[in-house]
Amino acid sequence: MVTEIVSNDAARDRIRKFQVYFENGAAWYWLVTQSLEIEEYHWVPQGYVRTASVAAGEVFRPQVFPGLEINLQELLGVSEEASAENVETPN
């Protein structure tokens, strides 16, 4: 499983790295944006299939870990306004 925090070079993260992970057989791939959106992908022989897209503040229920629930905004103590712009570290 790979969890990728999307950098300022989204093309590198979403295209080039995506291909490298696929070629190396990473079964699960999560993309997390700076605004705390999450995309989950699962590897199948034809390529990755997106299995979830979660907006900031919503609960992410990853298929790879049944029963787990993650709300990154709540977990990091980030306000809705901050996650809409960029993640700020809580004081």
PDB file of N, CA and C in Angstrom:
ATOM      1  N   MET A   1       0.841  -1.174   0.000  1.00  0.00           N
ATOM      2  CA  MET A   1       0.000   0.000   0.000  1.00  0.00           C
ATOM      3  C   MET A   1       0.882   1.232   0.000  1.00  0.00           C
ATOM      4  N   VAL A   2       0.473   2.235  -0.768  1.00  0.00           N
ATOM      5  CA  VAL A   2       1.189   3.501  -0.843  1.00  0.00           C
ATOM      6  C   VAL A   2       0.213   4.614  -0.484  1.00  0.00           C
ATOM      7  N   THR A   3       0.663   5.539   0.365  1.00  0.00           N
ATOM      8  CA  THR A   3      -0.094   6.758   0.637  1.00  0.00           C
ATOM      9  C   THR A   3       0.743   7.921   0.153  1.00  0.00           C
ATOM     10  N   GLU A   4       0.204   8.682  -0.765  1.00  0.00           N
ATOM     11  CA  GLU A   4       0.929   9.787  -1.395  1.00  0.00           C
ATOM     12  C   GLU A   4       0.270  11.102  -0.998  1.00  0.00           C
ATOM     13  N   ILE A   5       1.061  12.008  -0.428  1.00  0.00           N
ATOM     14  CA  ILE A   5       0.588  13.357  -0.164  1.00  0.00           C
ATOM     15  C   ILE A   5       0.921  14.158  -1.422  1.00  0.00           C
ATOM     16  N   VAL A   6      -0.103  14.668  -2.088  1.00  0.00           N
ATOM     17  CA  VAL A   6       0.087  15.353  -3.361  1.00  0.00           C
ATOM     18  C   VAL A   6       0.898  16.629  -3.140  1.00  0.00           C
ATOM     19  N   SER A   7       1.963  16.772  -3.899  1.00  0.00           N
ATOM     20  CA  SER A   7       2.837  17.938  -3.804  1.00  0.00           C
ATOM     21  C   SER A   7       2.371  19.017  -4.756  1.00  0.00           C
ATOM     22  N   ASN A   8       3.184  20.031  -4.913  1.00  0.00           N
ATOM     23  CA  ASN A   8       2.867  21.089  -5.867  1.00  0.00           C
ATOM     24  C   ASN A   8       3.008  20.621  -7.305  1.00  0.00           C
ATOM     25  N   ASP A   9       3.656  19.475  -7.501  1.00  0.00           N
ATOM     26  CA  ASP A   9       3.823  18.899  -8.837  1.00  0.00           C
ATOM     27  C   ASP A   9       2.832  17.744  -9.000  1.00  0.00           C
ATOM     28  N   ALA A  10       1.580  18.083  -9.178  1.00  0.00           N
ATOM     29  CA  ALA A  10       0.523  17.075  -9.252  1.00  0.00           C
ATOM     30  C   ALA A  10       0.737  16.096 -10.394  1.00  0.00           C
ATOM     31  N   ALA A  11       1.299  16.550 -11.507  1.00  0.00           N
ATOM     32  CA  ALA A  11       1.546  15.649 -12.637  1.00  0.00           C
ATOM     33  C   ALA A  11       2.512  14.546 -12.235  1.00  0.00           C
ATOM     34  N   ARG A  12       3.535  14.891 -11.478  1.00  0.00           N
ATOM     35  CA  ARG A  12       4.492  13.886 -11.014  1.00  0.00           C
ATOM     36  C   ARG A  12       3.795  12.879 -10.103  1.00  0.00           C
ATOM     37  N   ASP A  13       2.977  13.375  -9.176  1.00  0.00           N
ATOM     38  CA  ASP A  13       2.317  12.504  -8.211  1.00  0.00           C
ATOM     39  C   ASP A  13       1.222  11.661  -8.850  1.00  0.00           C
ATOM     40  N   ARG A  14       0.453  12.240  -9.745  1.00  0.00           N
ATOM     41  CA  ARG A  14      -0.713  11.555 -10.301  1.00  0.00           C
ATOM     42  C   ARG A  14      -0.428  10.762 -11.567  1.00  0.00           C
ATOM     43  N   ILE A  15       0.714  11.005 -12.204  1.00  0.00           N
ATOM     44  CA  ILE A  15       1.011  10.289 -13.449  1.00  0.00           C
ATOM     45  C   ILE A  15       2.278   9.456 -13.321  1.00  0.00           C
ATOM     46  N   ARG A  16       3.396  10.120 -13.116  1.00  0.00           N
ATOM     47  CA  ARG A  16       4.668   9.379 -13.109  1.00  0.00           C
ATOM     48  C   ARG A  16       4.787   8.433 -11.924  1.00  0.00           C
ATOM     49  N   LYS A  17       4.531   8.917 -10.708  1.00  0.00           N
ATOM     50  CA  LYS A  17       4.637   8.046  -9.533  1.00  0.00           C
ATOM     51  C   LYS A  17       3.569   6.951  -9.585  1.00  0.00           C
ATOM     52  N   PHE A  18       2.384   7.320 -10.014  1.00  0.00           N
ATOM     53  CA  PHE A  18       1.282   6.375 -10.159  1.00  0.00           C
ATOM     54  C   PHE A  18       1.735   5.176 -11.002  1.00  0.00           C
ATOM     55  N   GLN A  19       2.406   5.449 -12.117  1.00  0.00           N
ATOM     56  CA  GLN A  19       2.894   4.399 -13.004  1.00  0.00           C
ATOM     57  C   GLN A  19       3.956   3.545 -12.323  1.00  0.00           C
ATOM     58  N   VAL A  20       4.853   4.168 -11.582  1.00  0.00           N
ATOM     59  CA  VAL A  20       5.900   3.422 -10.867  1.00  0.00           C
ATOM     60  C   VAL A  20       5.278   2.480  -9.844  1.00  0.00           C
ATOM     61  N   TYR A  21       4.304   2.957  -9.090  1.00  0.00           N
ATOM     62  CA  TYR A  21       3.651   2.111  -8.097  1.00  0.00           C
ATOM     63  C   TYR A  21       2.940   0.939  -8.773  1.00  0.00           C
ATOM     64  N   PHE A  22       2.283   1.224  -9.899  1.00  0.00           N
ATOM     65  CA  PHE A  22       1.603   0.174 -10.652  1.00  0.00           C
ATOM     66  C   PHE A  22       2.595  -0.885 -11.121  1.00  0.00           C
ATOM     67  N   GLU A  23       3.711  -0.432 -11.700  1.00  0.00           N
ATOM     68  CA  GLU A  23       4.721  -1.358 -12.209  1.00  0.00           C
ATOM     69  C   GLU A  23       5.336  -2.220 -11.107  1.00  0.00           C
ATOM     70  N   ASN A  24       5.315  -1.719  -9.877  1.00  0.00           N
ATOM     71  CA  ASN A  24       5.892  -2.457  -8.754  1.00  0.00           C
ATOM     72  C   ASN A  24       4.849  -3.194  -7.923  1.00  0.00           C
ATOM     73  N   GLY A  25       3.613  -3.223  -8.403  1.00  0.00           N
ATOM     74  CA  GLY A  25       2.577  -4.054  -7.806  1.00  0.00           C
ATOM     75  C   GLY A  25       1.983  -3.562  -6.501  1.00  0.00           C
ATOM     76  N   ALA A  26       2.021  -2.247  -6.233  1.00  0.00           N
ATOM     77  CA  ALA A  26       1.370  -1.720  -5.034  1.00  0.00           C
ATOM     78  C   ALA A  26      -0.138  -1.962  -5.174  1.00  0.00           C
ATOM     79  N   ALA A  27      -0.695  -2.761  -4.285  1.00  0.00           N
ATOM     80  CA  ALA A  27      -2.102  -3.167  -4.402  1.00  0.00           C
ATOM     81  C   ALA A  27      -3.082  -2.038  -4.102  1.00  0.00           C
ATOM     82  N   TRP A  28      -2.726  -1.153  -3.187  1.00  0.00           N
ATOM     83  CA  TRP A  28      -3.597  -0.052  -2.804  1.00  0.00           C
ATOM     84  C   TRP A  28      -2.813   1.245  -2.874  1.00  0.00           C
ATOM     85  N   TYR A  29      -3.485   2.305  -3.278  1.00  0.00           N
ATOM     86  CA  TYR A  29      -2.843   3.597  -3.475  1.00  0.00           C
ATOM     87  C   TYR A  29      -3.802   4.677  -2.993  1.00  0.00           C
ATOM     88  N   TRP A  30      -3.361   5.484  -2.035  1.00  0.00           N
ATOM     89  CA  TRP A  30      -4.159   6.609  -1.556  1.00  0.00           C
ATOM     90  C   TRP A  30      -3.474   7.897  -1.957  1.00  0.00           C
ATOM     91  N   LEU A  31      -4.240   8.839  -2.449  1.00  0.00           N
ATOM     92  CA  LEU A  31      -3.763  10.192  -2.727  1.00  0.00           C
ATOM     93  C   LEU A  31      -4.445  11.129  -1.740  1.00  0.00           C
ATOM     94  N   VAL A  32      -3.655  11.935  -1.039  1.00  0.00           N
ATOM     95  CA  VAL A  32      -4.185  12.899  -0.091  1.00  0.00           C
ATOM     96  C   VAL A  32      -3.735  14.279  -0.551  1.00  0.00           C
ATOM     97  N   THR A  33      -4.696  15.178  -0.744  1.00  0.00           N
ATOM     98  CA  THR A  33      -4.358  16.526  -1.193  1.00  0.00           C
ATOM     99  C   THR A  33      -4.077  17.430   0.005  1.00  0.00           C
ATOM    100  N   GLN A  34      -3.507  18.595  -0.275  1.00  0.00           N
ATOM    101  CA  GLN A  34      -3.234  19.558   0.787  1.00  0.00           C
ATOM    102  C   GLN A  34      -4.516  20.074   1.421  1.00  0.00           C
ATOM    103  N   SER A  35      -5.626  19.990   0.712  1.00  0.00           N
ATOM    104  CA  SER A  35      -6.914  20.401   1.283  1.00  0.00           C
ATOM    105  C   SER A  35      -7.646  19.229   1.933  1.00  0.00           C
ATOM    106  N   LEU A  36      -6.921  18.123   2.153  1.00  0.00           N
ATOM    107  CA  LEU A  36      -7.386  16.939   2.882  1.00  0.00           C
ATOM    108  C   LEU A  36      -8.469  16.142   2.164  1.00  0.00           C
ATOM    109  N   GLU A  37      -8.466  16.169   0.861  1.00  0.00           N
ATOM    110  CA  GLU A  37      -9.317  15.274   0.081  1.00  0.00           C
ATOM    111  C   GLU A  37      -8.552  13.967  -0.097  1.00  0.00           C
ATOM    112  N   ILE A  38      -9.261  12.861  -0.153  1.00  0.00           N
ATOM    113  CA  ILE A  38      -8.610  11.555  -0.274  1.00  0.00           C
ATOM    114  C   ILE A  38      -9.218  10.799  -1.452  1.00  0.00           C
ATOM    115  N   GLU A  39      -8.339  10.173  -2.235  1.00  0.00           N
ATOM    116  CA  GLU A  39      -8.772   9.246  -3.285  1.00  0.00           C
ATOM    117  C   GLU A  39      -8.111   7.910  -2.989  1.00  0.00           C
ATOM    118  N   GLU A  40      -8.880   6.844  -3.098  1.00  0.00           N
ATOM    119  CA  GLU A  40      -8.354   5.493  -2.886  1.00  0.00           C
ATOM    120  C   GLU A  40      -8.446   4.719  -4.199  1.00  0.00           C
ATOM    121  N   TYR A  41      -7.369   4.028  -4.538  1.00  0.00           N
ATOM    122  CA  TYR A  41      -7.312   3.217  -5.758  1.00  0.00           C
ATOM    123  C   TYR A  41      -6.899   1.795  -5.398  1.00  0.00           C
ATOM    124  N   HIS A  42      -7.422   0.834  -6.143  1.00  0.00           N
ATOM    125  CA  HIS A  42      -7.066  -0.569  -5.951  1.00  0.00           C
ATOM    126  C   HIS A  42      -6.528  -1.116  -7.268  1.00  0.00           C
ATOM    127  N   TRP A  43      -5.449  -1.862  -7.169  1.00  0.00           N
ATOM    128  CA  TRP A  43      -4.811  -2.430  -8.357  1.00  0.00           C
ATOM    129  C   TRP A  43      -5.575  -3.656  -8.833  1.00  0.00           C
ATOM    130  N   VAL A  44      -5.848  -3.680 -10.128  1.00  0.00           N
ATOM    131  CA  VAL A  44      -6.388  -4.851 -10.814  1.00  0.00           C
ATOM    132  C   VAL A  44      -5.474  -5.067 -12.023  1.00  0.00           C
ATOM    133  N   PRO A  45      -5.503  -6.220 -12.656  1.00  0.00           N
ATOM    134  CA  PRO A  45      -4.573  -6.468 -13.763  1.00  0.00           C
ATOM    135  C   PRO A  45      -4.571  -5.406 -14.871  1.00  0.00           C
ATOM    136  N   GLN A  46      -5.680  -4.728 -15.082  1.00  0.00           N
ATOM    137  CA  GLN A  46      -5.750  -3.715 -16.133  1.00  0.00           C
ATOM    138  C   GLN A  46      -5.218  -2.351 -15.678  1.00  0.00           C
ATOM    139  N   GLY A  47      -5.014  -2.169 -14.395  1.00  0.00           N
ATOM    140  CA  GLY A  47      -4.549  -0.888 -13.858  1.00  0.00           C
ATOM    141  C   GLY A  47      -5.269  -0.574 -12.559  1.00  0.00           C
ATOM    142  N   TYR A  48      -5.120   0.668 -12.100  1.00  0.00           N
ATOM    143  CA  TYR A  48      -5.783   1.074 -10.861  1.00  0.00           C
ATOM    144  C   TYR A  48      -7.230   1.464 -11.115  1.00  0.00           C
ATOM    145  N   VAL A  49      -8.090   1.098 -10.175  1.00  0.00           N
ATOM    146  CA  VAL A  49      -9.506   1.455 -10.199  1.00  0.00           C
ATOM    147  C   VAL A  49      -9.760   2.309  -8.961  1.00  0.00           C
ATOM    148  N   ARG A  50     -10.362   3.483  -9.150  1.00  0.00           N
ATOM    149  CA  ARG A  50     -10.678   4.329  -7.995  1.00  0.00           C
ATOM    150  C   ARG A  50     -11.841   3.715  -7.242  1.00  0.00           C
ATOM    151  N   THR A  51     -11.641   3.502  -5.948  1.00  0.00           N
ATOM    152  CA  THR A  51     -12.673   2.888  -5.122  1.00  0.00           C
ATOM    153  C   THR A  51     -13.324   3.880  -4.166  1.00  0.00           C
ATOM    154  N   ALA A  52     -12.716   5.065  -3.989  1.00  0.00           N
ATOM    155  CA  ALA A  52     -13.304   6.078  -3.110  1.00  0.00           C
ATOM    156  C   ALA A  52     -12.746   7.447  -3.442  1.00  0.00           C
ATOM    157  N   SER A  53     -13.591   8.448  -3.279  1.00  0.00           N
ATOM    158  CA  SER A  53     -13.206   9.860  -3.343  1.00  0.00           C
ATOM    159  C   SER A  53     -13.912  10.544  -2.182  1.00  0.00           C
ATOM    160  N   VAL A  54     -13.124  11.152  -1.297  1.00  0.00           N
ATOM    161  CA  VAL A  54     -13.689  11.726  -0.083  1.00  0.00           C
ATOM    162  C   VAL A  54     -13.275  13.191   0.027  1.00  0.00           C
ATOM    163  N   ALA A  55     -14.250  14.066   0.236  1.00  0.00           N
ATOM    164  CA  ALA A  55     -13.974  15.491   0.398  1.00  0.00           C
ATOM    165  C   ALA A  55     -13.467  15.764   1.810  1.00  0.00           C
ATOM    166  N   ALA A  56     -12.793  16.890   1.974  1.00  0.00           N
ATOM    167  CA  ALA A  56     -12.313  17.302   3.291  1.00  0.00           C
ATOM    168  C   ALA A  56     -13.487  17.363   4.265  1.00  0.00           C
ATOM    169  N   GLY A  57     -13.278  16.826   5.457  1.00  0.00           N
ATOM    170  CA  GLY A  57     -14.319  16.839   6.480  1.00  0.00           C
ATOM    171  C   GLY A  57     -15.230  15.625   6.443  1.00  0.00           C
ATOM    172  N   GLU A  58     -15.185  14.858   5.371  1.00  0.00           N
ATOM    173  CA  GLU A  58     -15.986  13.643   5.286  1.00  0.00           C
ATOM    174  C   GLU A  58     -15.195  12.460   5.867  1.00  0.00           C
ATOM    175  N   VAL A  59     -15.910  11.434   6.210  1.00  0.00           N
ATOM    176  CA  VAL A  59     -15.277  10.241   6.772  1.00  0.00           C
ATOM    177  C   VAL A  59     -14.837   9.319   5.641  1.00  0.00           C
ATOM    178  N   PHE A  60     -13.566   8.936   5.679  1.00  0.00           N
ATOM    179  CA  PHE A  60     -12.984   8.006   4.710  1.00  0.00           C
ATOM    180  C   PHE A  60     -13.043   6.611   5.318  1.00  0.00           C
ATOM    181  N   ARG A  61     -13.658   5.693   4.596  1.00  0.00           N
ATOM    182  CA  ARG A  61     -13.770   4.295   5.010  1.00  0.00           C
ATOM    183  C   ARG A  61     -13.015   3.440   4.001  1.00  0.00           C
ATOM    184  N   PRO A  62     -11.706   3.257   4.220  1.00  0.00           N
ATOM    185  CA  PRO A  62     -10.902   2.537   3.234  1.00  0.00           C
ATOM    186  C   PRO A  62     -11.317   1.083   3.092  1.00  0.00           C
ATOM    187  N   GLN A  63     -11.438   0.646   1.855  1.00  0.00           N
ATOM    188  CA  GLN A  63     -11.821  -0.745   1.598  1.00  0.00           C
ATOM    189  C   GLN A  63     -10.756  -1.718   2.078  1.00  0.00           C
ATOM    190  N   VAL A  64      -9.506  -1.299   2.061  1.00  0.00           N
ATOM    191  CA  VAL A  64      -8.413  -2.185   2.444  1.00  0.00           C
ATOM    192  C   VAL A  64      -8.439  -2.481   3.953  1.00  0.00           C
ATOM    193  N   PHE A  65      -9.067  -1.606   4.755  1.00  0.00           N
ATOM    194  CA  PHE A  65      -9.155  -1.804   6.203  1.00  0.00           C
ATOM    195  C   PHE A  65     -10.610  -1.701   6.655  1.00  0.00           C
ATOM    196  N   PRO A  66     -11.401  -2.761   6.472  1.00  0.00           N
ATOM    197  CA  PRO A  66     -12.814  -2.709   6.849  1.00  0.00           C
ATOM    198  C   PRO A  66     -12.988  -2.303   8.313  1.00  0.00           C
ATOM    199  N   GLY A  67     -13.928  -1.402   8.543  1.00  0.00           N
ATOM    200  CA  GLY A  67     -14.225  -0.938   9.893  1.00  0.00           C
ATOM    201  C   GLY A  67     -13.459   0.319  10.293  1.00  0.00           C
ATOM    202  N   LEU A  68     -12.406   0.658   9.578  1.00  0.00           N
ATOM    203  CA  LEU A  68     -11.634   1.864   9.890  1.00  0.00           C
ATOM    204  C   LEU A  68     -12.346   3.078   9.313  1.00  0.00           C
ATOM    205  N   GLU A  69     -12.413   4.140  10.101  1.00  0.00           N
ATOM    206  CA  GLU A  69     -12.994   5.398   9.658  1.00  0.00           C
ATOM    207  C   GLU A  69     -12.014   6.520   9.964  1.00  0.00           C
ATOM    208  N   ILE A  70     -11.716   7.346   8.954  1.00  0.00           N
ATOM    209  CA  ILE A  70     -10.744   8.420   9.108  1.00  0.00           C
ATOM    210  C   ILE A  70     -11.366   9.727   8.633  1.00  0.00           C
ATOM    211  N   ASN A  71     -11.345  10.736   9.486  1.00  0.00           N
ATOM    212  CA  ASN A  71     -11.698  12.099   9.096  1.00  0.00           C
ATOM    213  C   ASN A  71     -10.429  12.906   9.319  1.00  0.00           C
ATOM    214  N   LEU A  72      -9.650  13.139   8.253  1.00  0.00           N
ATOM    215  CA  LEU A  72      -8.364  13.815   8.391  1.00  0.00           C
ATOM    216  C   LEU A  72      -8.500  15.206   8.988  1.00  0.00           C
ATOM    217  N   GLN A  73      -9.511  15.920   8.605  1.00  0.00           N
ATOM    218  CA  GLN A  73      -9.722  17.275   9.110  1.00  0.00           C
ATOM    219  C   GLN A  73      -9.869  17.247  10.627  1.00  0.00           C
ATOM    220  N   GLU A  74     -10.681  16.331  11.120  1.00  0.00           N
ATOM    221  CA  GLU A  74     -10.887  16.192  12.563  1.00  0.00           C
ATOM    222  C   GLU A  74      -9.631  15.660  13.250  1.00  0.00           C
ATOM    223  N   LEU A  75      -9.000  14.662  12.651  1.00  0.00           N
ATOM    224  CA  LEU A  75      -7.800  14.057  13.215  1.00  0.00           C
ATOM    225  C   LEU A  75      -6.675  15.075  13.401  1.00  0.00           C
ATOM    226  N   LEU A  76      -6.516  15.969  12.422  1.00  0.00           N
ATOM    227  CA  LEU A  76      -5.450  16.964  12.473  1.00  0.00           C
ATOM    228  C   LEU A  76      -5.864  18.257  13.175  1.00  0.00           C
ATOM    229  N   GLY A  77      -7.133  18.353  13.569  1.00  0.00           N
ATOM    230  CA  GLY A  77      -7.601  19.560  14.233  1.00  0.00           C
ATOM    231  C   GLY A  77      -7.581  20.779  13.333  1.00  0.00           C
ATOM    232  N   VAL A  78      -7.947  20.578  12.070  1.00  0.00           N
ATOM    233  CA  VAL A  78      -7.905  21.648  11.075  1.00  0.00           C
ATOM    234  C   VAL A  78      -9.321  22.155  10.841  1.00  0.00           C
ATOM    235  N   SER A  79      -9.478  23.489  10.816  1.00  0.00           N
ATOM    236  CA  SER A  79     -10.790  24.068  10.553  1.00  0.00           C
ATOM    237  C   SER A  79     -11.170  23.860   9.092  1.00  0.00           C
ATOM    238  N   GLU A  80     -12.453  23.976   8.807  1.00  0.00           N
ATOM    239  CA  GLU A  80     -12.923  23.823   7.428  1.00  0.00           C
ATOM    240  C   GLU A  80     -12.317  24.881   6.518  1.00  0.00           C
ATOM    241  N   GLU A  81     -12.176  26.106   7.014  1.00  0.00           N
ATOM    242  CA  GLU A  81     -11.613  27.186   6.208  1.00  0.00           C
ATOM    243  C   GLU A  81     -10.152  26.884   5.866  1.00  0.00           C
ATOM    244  N   ALA A  82      -9.392  26.383   6.843  1.00  0.00           N
ATOM    245  CA  ALA A  82      -7.973  26.088   6.613  1.00  0.00           C
ATOM    246  C   ALA A  82      -7.811  24.952   5.618  1.00  0.00           C
ATOM    247  N   SER A  83      -8.644  23.918   5.711  1.00  0.00           N
ATOM    248  CA  SER A  83      -8.501  22.787   4.797  1.00  0.00           C
ATOM    249  C   SER A  83      -8.906  23.173   3.379  1.00  0.00           C
ATOM    250  N   ALA A  84      -9.785  24.157   3.231  1.00  0.00           N
ATOM    251  CA  ALA A  84     -10.166  24.614   1.906  1.00  0.00           C
ATOM    252  C   ALA A  84      -9.010  25.305   1.196  1.00  0.00           C
ATOM    253  N   GLU A  85      -8.125  25.931   1.974  1.00  0.00           N
ATOM    254  CA  GLU A  85      -6.951  26.599   1.393  1.00  0.00           C
ATOM    255  C   GLU A  85      -5.765  25.648   1.403  1.00  0.00           C
ATOM    256  N   ASN A  86      -5.198  25.433   2.536  1.00  0.00           N
ATOM    257  CA  ASN A  86      -4.076  24.505   2.757  1.00  0.00           C
ATOM    258  C   ASN A  86      -4.130  24.074   4.206  1.00  0.00           C
ATOM    259  N   VAL A  87      -3.528  22.973   4.503  1.00  0.00           N
ATOM    260  CA  VAL A  87      -3.509  22.466   5.876  1.00  0.00           C
ATOM    261  C   VAL A  87      -2.598  23.343   6.715  1.00  0.00           C
ATOM    262  N   GLU A  88      -3.121  23.791   7.863  1.00  0.00           N
ATOM    263  CA  GLU A  88      -2.319  24.529   8.807  1.00  0.00           C
ATOM    264  C   GLU A  88      -2.112  23.653  10.037  1.00  0.00           C
ATOM    265  N   THR A  89      -0.936  23.703  10.595  1.00  0.00           N
ATOM    266  CA  THR A  89      -0.655  22.932  11.788  1.00  0.00           C
ATOM    267  C   THR A  89      -1.332  23.588  12.973  1.00  0.00           C
ATOM    268  N   PRO A  90      -2.105  22.802  13.778  1.00  0.00           N
ATOM    269  CA  PRO A  90      -2.750  23.390  14.944  1.00  0.00           C
ATOM    270  C   PRO A  90      -1.727  23.821  15.981  1.00  0.00           C
ATOM    271  N   ASN A  91      -2.057  24.852  16.771  1.00  0.00           N
ATOM    272  CA  ASN A  91      -1.151  25.340  17.826  1.00  0.00           C
ATOM    273  C   ASN A  91      -1.134  24.413  19.008  1.00  0.00           C
TER     274      ASN A  91
END
